[in-house]
Amino acid sequence: MTVSGLQLQEYVAGLDYPVSREDLVRWGQENGASTEVLQMLRALPAEEFSSPAQLTEALSTLT
């Protein structure tokens, strides 16, 4: 199964910003994210995201 950028965006909806890549991974682990989702979160290029738009842009580079 491949995770799309849209699926990731839906998955991380409702997060408080700014959020770090480390916090995203931890949040995913605590909320039962699949291994594939966690791998994508770990692969994000920035270490911190100040807004949903910034995170969305980074997620779009992964898919």
PDB file of N, CA and C in Angstrom:
ATOM      1  N   MET A   1       0.839  -1.185   0.000  1.00  0.00           N
ATOM      2  CA  MET A   1       0.000   0.000   0.000  1.00  0.00           C
ATOM      3  C   MET A   1       0.880   1.243   0.000  1.00  0.00           C
ATOM      4  N   THR A   2       0.540   2.176  -0.845  1.00  0.00           N
ATOM      5  CA  THR A   2       1.277   3.426  -0.915  1.00  0.00           C
ATOM      6  C   THR A   2       0.457   4.515  -0.241  1.00  0.00           C
ATOM      7  N   VAL A   3       1.127   5.342   0.525  1.00  0.00           N
ATOM      8  CA  VAL A   3       0.459   6.444   1.204  1.00  0.00           C
ATOM      9  C   VAL A   3       0.595   7.684   0.335  1.00  0.00           C
ATOM     10  N   SER A   4      -0.517   8.318   0.036  1.00  0.00           N
ATOM     11  CA  SER A   4      -0.470   9.530  -0.774  1.00  0.00           C
ATOM     12  C   SER A   4      -0.270  10.747   0.119  1.00  0.00           C
ATOM     13  N   GLY A   5       0.151  11.826  -0.494  1.00  0.00           N
ATOM     14  CA  GLY A   5       0.312  13.073   0.240  1.00  0.00           C
ATOM     15  C   GLY A   5      -1.001  13.516   0.865  1.00  0.00           C
ATOM     16  N   LEU A   6      -2.091  13.304   0.147  1.00  0.00           N
ATOM     17  CA  LEU A   6      -3.403  13.681   0.667  1.00  0.00           C
ATOM     18  C   LEU A   6      -3.755  12.869   1.904  1.00  0.00           C
ATOM     19  N   GLN A   7      -3.466  11.574   1.885  1.00  0.00           N
ATOM     20  CA  GLN A   7      -3.734  10.737   3.048  1.00  0.00           C
ATOM     21  C   GLN A   7      -2.907  11.208   4.243  1.00  0.00           C
ATOM     22  N   LEU A   8      -1.655  11.556   4.005  1.00  0.00           N
ATOM     23  CA  LEU A   8      -0.807  12.064   5.084  1.00  0.00           C
ATOM     24  C   LEU A   8      -1.347  13.381   5.623  1.00  0.00           C
ATOM     25  N   GLN A   9      -1.788  14.253   4.740  1.00  0.00           N
ATOM     26  CA  GLN A   9      -2.335  15.536   5.160  1.00  0.00           C
ATOM     27  C   GLN A   9      -3.567  15.325   6.045  1.00  0.00           C
ATOM     28  N   GLU A  10      -4.426  14.396   5.657  1.00  0.00           N
ATOM     29  CA  GLU A  10      -5.607  14.094   6.456  1.00  0.00           C
ATOM     30  C   GLU A  10      -5.191  13.514   7.807  1.00  0.00           C
ATOM     31  N   TYR A  11      -4.161  12.713   7.806  1.00  0.00           N
ATOM     32  CA  TYR A  11      -3.707  12.049   9.026  1.00  0.00           C
ATOM     33  C   TYR A  11      -3.171  13.045  10.042  1.00  0.00           C
ATOM     34  N   VAL A  12      -2.479  14.079   9.579  1.00  0.00           N
ATOM     35  CA  VAL A  12      -1.870  15.040  10.495  1.00  0.00           C
ATOM     36  C   VAL A  12      -2.732  16.286  10.702  1.00  0.00           C
ATOM     37  N   ALA A  13      -3.951  16.276  10.176  1.00  0.00           N
ATOM     38  CA  ALA A  13      -4.856  17.408  10.368  1.00  0.00           C
ATOM     39  C   ALA A  13      -5.116  17.613  11.861  1.00  0.00           C
ATOM     40  N   GLY A  14      -5.191  18.848  12.267  1.00  0.00           N
ATOM     41  CA  GLY A  14      -5.498  19.153  13.656  1.00  0.00           C
ATOM     42  C   GLY A  14      -4.295  19.286  14.567  1.00  0.00           C
ATOM     43  N   LEU A  15      -3.098  19.175  14.020  1.00  0.00           N
ATOM     44  CA  LEU A  15      -1.899  19.354  14.845  1.00  0.00           C
ATOM     45  C   LEU A  15      -1.722  20.825  15.212  1.00  0.00           C
ATOM     46  N   ASP A  16      -1.074  21.066  16.327  1.00  0.00           N
ATOM     47  CA  ASP A  16      -0.725  22.428  16.722  1.00  0.00           C
ATOM     48  C   ASP A  16       0.646  22.777  16.139  1.00  0.00           C
ATOM     49  N   TYR A  17       0.770  23.979  15.626  1.00  0.00           N
ATOM     50  CA  TYR A  17       2.017  24.440  15.006  1.00  0.00           C
ATOM     51  C   TYR A  17       2.640  25.530  15.848  1.00  0.00           C
ATOM     52  N   PRO A  18       3.959  25.691  15.818  1.00  0.00           N
ATOM     53  CA  PRO A  18       4.908  24.898  15.029  1.00  0.00           C
ATOM     54  C   PRO A  18       5.032  23.484  15.581  1.00  0.00           C
ATOM     55  N   VAL A  19       5.428  22.586  14.673  1.00  0.00           N
ATOM     56  CA  VAL A  19       5.604  21.181  15.041  1.00  0.00           C
ATOM     57  C   VAL A  19       6.910  20.688  14.423  1.00  0.00           C
ATOM     58  N   SER A  20       7.661  19.925  15.197  1.00  0.00           N
ATOM     59  CA  SER A  20       8.927  19.400  14.693  1.00  0.00           C
ATOM     60  C   SER A  20       8.703  18.047  14.024  1.00  0.00           C
ATOM     61  N   ARG A  21       9.652  17.676  13.199  1.00  0.00           N
ATOM     62  CA  ARG A  21       9.602  16.361  12.556  1.00  0.00           C
ATOM     63  C   ARG A  21       9.576  15.274  13.628  1.00  0.00           C
ATOM     64  N   GLU A  22      10.372  15.453  14.677  1.00  0.00           N
ATOM     65  CA  GLU A  22      10.406  14.488  15.772  1.00  0.00           C
ATOM     66  C   GLU A  22       9.032  14.364  16.439  1.00  0.00           C
ATOM     67  N   ASP A  23       8.359  15.506  16.649  1.00  0.00           N
ATOM     68  CA  ASP A  23       7.018  15.486  17.245  1.00  0.00           C
ATOM     69  C   ASP A  23       6.015  14.791  16.327  1.00  0.00           C
ATOM     70  N   LEU A  24       6.153  15.002  15.025  1.00  0.00           N
ATOM     71  CA  LEU A  24       5.259  14.341  14.069  1.00  0.00           C
ATOM     72  C   LEU A  24       5.417  12.827  14.140  1.00  0.00           C
ATOM     73  N   VAL A  25       6.655  12.368  14.191  1.00  0.00           N
ATOM     74  CA  VAL A  25       6.919  10.928  14.267  1.00  0.00           C
ATOM     75  C   VAL A  25       6.362  10.368  15.570  1.00  0.00           C
ATOM     76  N   ARG A  26       6.616  11.059  16.670  1.00  0.00           N
ATOM     77  CA  ARG A  26       6.108  10.603  17.966  1.00  0.00           C
ATOM     78  C   ARG A  26       4.577  10.572  17.971  1.00  0.00           C
ATOM     79  N   TRP A  27       3.969  11.611  17.414  1.00  0.00           N
ATOM     80  CA  TRP A  27       2.512  11.681  17.327  1.00  0.00           C
ATOM     81  C   TRP A  27       1.985  10.504  16.506  1.00  0.00           C
ATOM     82  N   GLY A  28       2.659  10.209  15.403  1.00  0.00           N
ATOM     83  CA  GLY A  28       2.257   9.073  14.572  1.00  0.00           C
ATOM     84  C   GLY A  28       2.356   7.759  15.328  1.00  0.00           C
ATOM     85  N   GLN A  29       3.434   7.586  16.073  1.00  0.00           N
ATOM     86  CA  GLN A  29       3.613   6.354  16.853  1.00  0.00           C
ATOM     87  C   GLN A  29       2.513   6.216  17.898  1.00  0.00           C
ATOM     88  N   GLU A  30       2.174   7.312  18.552  1.00  0.00           N
ATOM     89  CA  GLU A  30       1.167   7.284  19.606  1.00  0.00           C
ATOM     90  C   GLU A  30      -0.248   7.080  19.064  1.00  0.00           C
ATOM     91  N   ASN A  31      -0.439   7.383  17.778  1.00  0.00           N
ATOM     92  CA  ASN A  31      -1.768   7.291  17.189  1.00  0.00           C
ATOM     93  C   ASN A  31      -1.900   6.150  16.187  1.00  0.00           C
ATOM     94  N   GLY A  32      -0.983   5.194  16.256  1.00  0.00           N
ATOM     95  CA  GLY A  32      -1.106   3.984  15.453  1.00  0.00           C
ATOM     96  C   GLY A  32      -0.828   4.129  13.972  1.00  0.00           C
ATOM     97  N   ALA A  33       0.044   5.054  13.618  1.00  0.00           N
ATOM     98  CA  ALA A  33       0.401   5.218  12.205  1.00  0.00           C
ATOM     99  C   ALA A  33       1.087   3.957  11.692  1.00  0.00           C
ATOM    100  N   SER A  34       0.856   3.677  10.434  1.00  0.00           N
ATOM    101  CA  SER A  34       1.501   2.525   9.821  1.00  0.00           C
ATOM    102  C   SER A  34       3.002   2.777   9.695  1.00  0.00           C
ATOM    103  N   THR A  35       3.738   1.714   9.485  1.00  0.00           N
ATOM    104  CA  THR A  35       5.185   1.825   9.286  1.00  0.00           C
ATOM    105  C   THR A  35       5.488   2.729   8.102  1.00  0.00           C
ATOM    106  N   GLU A  36       4.681   2.619   7.051  1.00  0.00           N
ATOM    107  CA  GLU A  36       4.902   3.431   5.858  1.00  0.00           C
ATOM    108  C   GLU A  36       4.713   4.925   6.157  1.00  0.00           C
ATOM    109  N   VAL A  37       3.689   5.264   6.929  1.00  0.00           N
ATOM    110  CA  VAL A  37       3.459   6.667   7.305  1.00  0.00           C
ATOM    111  C   VAL A  37       4.620   7.170   8.154  1.00  0.00           C
ATOM    112  N   LEU A  38       5.046   6.378   9.124  1.00  0.00           N
ATOM    113  CA  LEU A  38       6.164   6.789   9.976  1.00  0.00           C
ATOM    114  C   LEU A  38       7.435   6.998   9.162  1.00  0.00           C
ATOM    115  N   GLN A  39       7.677   6.139   8.178  1.00  0.00           N
ATOM    116  CA  GLN A  39       8.854   6.307   7.322  1.00  0.00           C
ATOM    117  C   GLN A  39       8.773   7.613   6.546  1.00  0.00           C
ATOM    118  N   MET A  40       7.587   7.944   6.062  1.00  0.00           N
ATOM    119  CA  MET A  40       7.425   9.195   5.313  1.00  0.00           C
ATOM    120  C   MET A  40       7.633  10.396   6.233  1.00  0.00           C
ATOM    121  N   LEU A  41       7.103  10.328   7.439  1.00  0.00           N
ATOM    122  CA  LEU A  41       7.298  11.439   8.377  1.00  0.00           C
ATOM    123  C   LEU A  41       8.779  11.612   8.706  1.00  0.00           C
ATOM    124  N   ARG A  42       9.486  10.502   8.877  1.00  0.00           N
ATOM    125  CA  ARG A  42      10.927  10.577   9.168  1.00  0.00           C
ATOM    126  C   ARG A  42      11.713  11.139   7.988  1.00  0.00           C
ATOM    127  N   ALA A  43      11.163  11.009   6.783  1.00  0.00           N
ATOM    128  CA  ALA A  43      11.855  11.467   5.579  1.00  0.00           C
ATOM    129  C   ALA A  43      11.591  12.934   5.251  1.00  0.00           C
ATOM    130  N   LEU A  44      10.781  13.603   6.056  1.00  0.00           N
ATOM    131  CA  LEU A  44      10.495  15.010   5.782  1.00  0.00           C
ATOM    132  C   LEU A  44      11.786  15.819   5.759  1.00  0.00           C
ATOM    133  N   PRO A  45      11.883  16.766   4.818  1.00  0.00           N
ATOM    134  CA  PRO A  45      13.133  17.504   4.641  1.00  0.00           C
ATOM    135  C   PRO A  45      13.427  18.544   5.722  1.00  0.00           C
ATOM    136  N   ALA A  46      12.421  19.132   6.309  1.00  0.00           N
ATOM    137  CA  ALA A  46      12.645  20.177   7.322  1.00  0.00           C
ATOM    138  C   ALA A  46      12.546  19.579   8.718  1.00  0.00           C
ATOM    139  N   GLU A  47      13.196  20.225   9.652  1.00  0.00           N
ATOM    140  CA  GLU A  47      13.143  19.743  11.023  1.00  0.00           C
ATOM    141  C   GLU A  47      11.989  20.342  11.806  1.00  0.00           C
ATOM    142  N   GLU A  48      11.438  21.470  11.322  1.00  0.00           N
ATOM    143  CA  GLU A  48      10.286  22.078  11.986  1.00  0.00           C
ATOM    144  C   GLU A  48       9.391  22.739  10.951  1.00  0.00           C
ATOM    145  N   PHE A  49       8.090  22.695  11.229  1.00  0.00           N
ATOM    146  CA  PHE A  49       7.096  23.255  10.324  1.00  0.00           C
ATOM    147  C   PHE A  49       6.277  24.280  11.089  1.00  0.00           C
ATOM    148  N   SER A  50       6.173  25.486  10.538  1.00  0.00           N
ATOM    149  CA  SER A  50       5.500  26.566  11.241  1.00  0.00           C
ATOM    150  C   SER A  50       4.024  26.681  10.911  1.00  0.00           C
ATOM    151  N   SER A  51       3.584  25.966   9.861  1.00  0.00           N
ATOM    152  CA  SER A  51       2.178  26.066   9.462  1.00  0.00           C
ATOM    153  C   SER A  51       1.760  24.803   8.717  1.00  0.00           C
ATOM    154  N   PRO A  52       0.445  24.577   8.640  1.00  0.00           N
ATOM    155  CA  PRO A  52      -0.035  23.432   7.845  1.00  0.00           C
ATOM    156  C   PRO A  52       0.411  23.522   6.386  1.00  0.00           C
ATOM    157  N   ALA A  53       0.458  24.728   5.841  1.00  0.00           N
ATOM    158  CA  ALA A  53       0.880  24.893   4.446  1.00  0.00           C
ATOM    159  C   ALA A  53       2.317  24.444   4.251  1.00  0.00           C
ATOM    160  N   GLN A  54       3.186  24.781   5.191  1.00  0.00           N
ATOM    161  CA  GLN A  54       4.587  24.382   5.087  1.00  0.00           C
ATOM    162  C   GLN A  54       4.713  22.864   5.170  1.00  0.00           C
ATOM    163  N   LEU A  55       3.962  22.241   6.054  1.00  0.00           N
ATOM    164  CA  LEU A  55       3.981  20.787   6.163  1.00  0.00           C
ATOM    165  C   LEU A  55       3.428  20.132   4.917  1.00  0.00           C
ATOM    166  N   THR A  56       2.346  20.676   4.392  1.00  0.00           N
ATOM    167  CA  THR A  56       1.739  20.153   3.172  1.00  0.00           C
ATOM    168  C   THR A  56       2.722  20.202   2.003  1.00  0.00           C
ATOM    169  N   GLU A  57       3.425  21.304   1.895  1.00  0.00           N
ATOM    170  CA  GLU A  57       4.422  21.450   0.817  1.00  0.00           C
ATOM    171  C   GLU A  57       5.520  20.407   0.964  1.00  0.00           C
ATOM    172  N   ALA A  58       5.990  20.199   2.190  1.00  0.00           N
ATOM    173  CA  ALA A  58       7.041  19.197   2.424  1.00  0.00           C
ATOM    174  C   ALA A  58       6.527  17.790   2.129  1.00  0.00           C
ATOM    175  N   LEU A  59       5.292  17.494   2.529  1.00  0.00           N
ATOM    176  CA  LEU A  59       4.718  16.174   2.248  1.00  0.00           C
ATOM    177  C   LEU A  59       4.578  15.936   0.753  1.00  0.00           C
ATOM    178  N   SER A  60       4.257  16.977   0.007  1.00  0.00           N
ATOM    179  CA  SER A  60       4.070  16.827  -1.436  1.00  0.00           C
ATOM    180  C   SER A  60       5.376  16.451  -2.139  1.00  0.00           C
ATOM    181  N   THR A  61       6.513  16.764  -1.556  1.00  0.00           N
ATOM    182  CA  THR A  61       7.792  16.414  -2.169  1.00  0.00           C
ATOM    183  C   THR A  61       8.113  14.936  -1.993  1.00  0.00           C
ATOM    184  N   LEU A  62       7.414  14.280  -1.085  1.00  0.00           N
ATOM    185  CA  LEU A  62       7.689  12.872  -0.799  1.00  0.00           C
ATOM    186  C   LEU A  62       6.912  11.906  -1.667  1.00  0.00           C
ATOM    187  N   THR A  63       5.857  12.380  -2.291  1.00  0.00           N
ATOM    188  CA  THR A  63       4.991  11.461  -3.064  1.00  0.00           C
ATOM    189  C   THR A  63       5.098  11.713  -4.536  1.00  0.00           C
TER     190      THR A  63
END
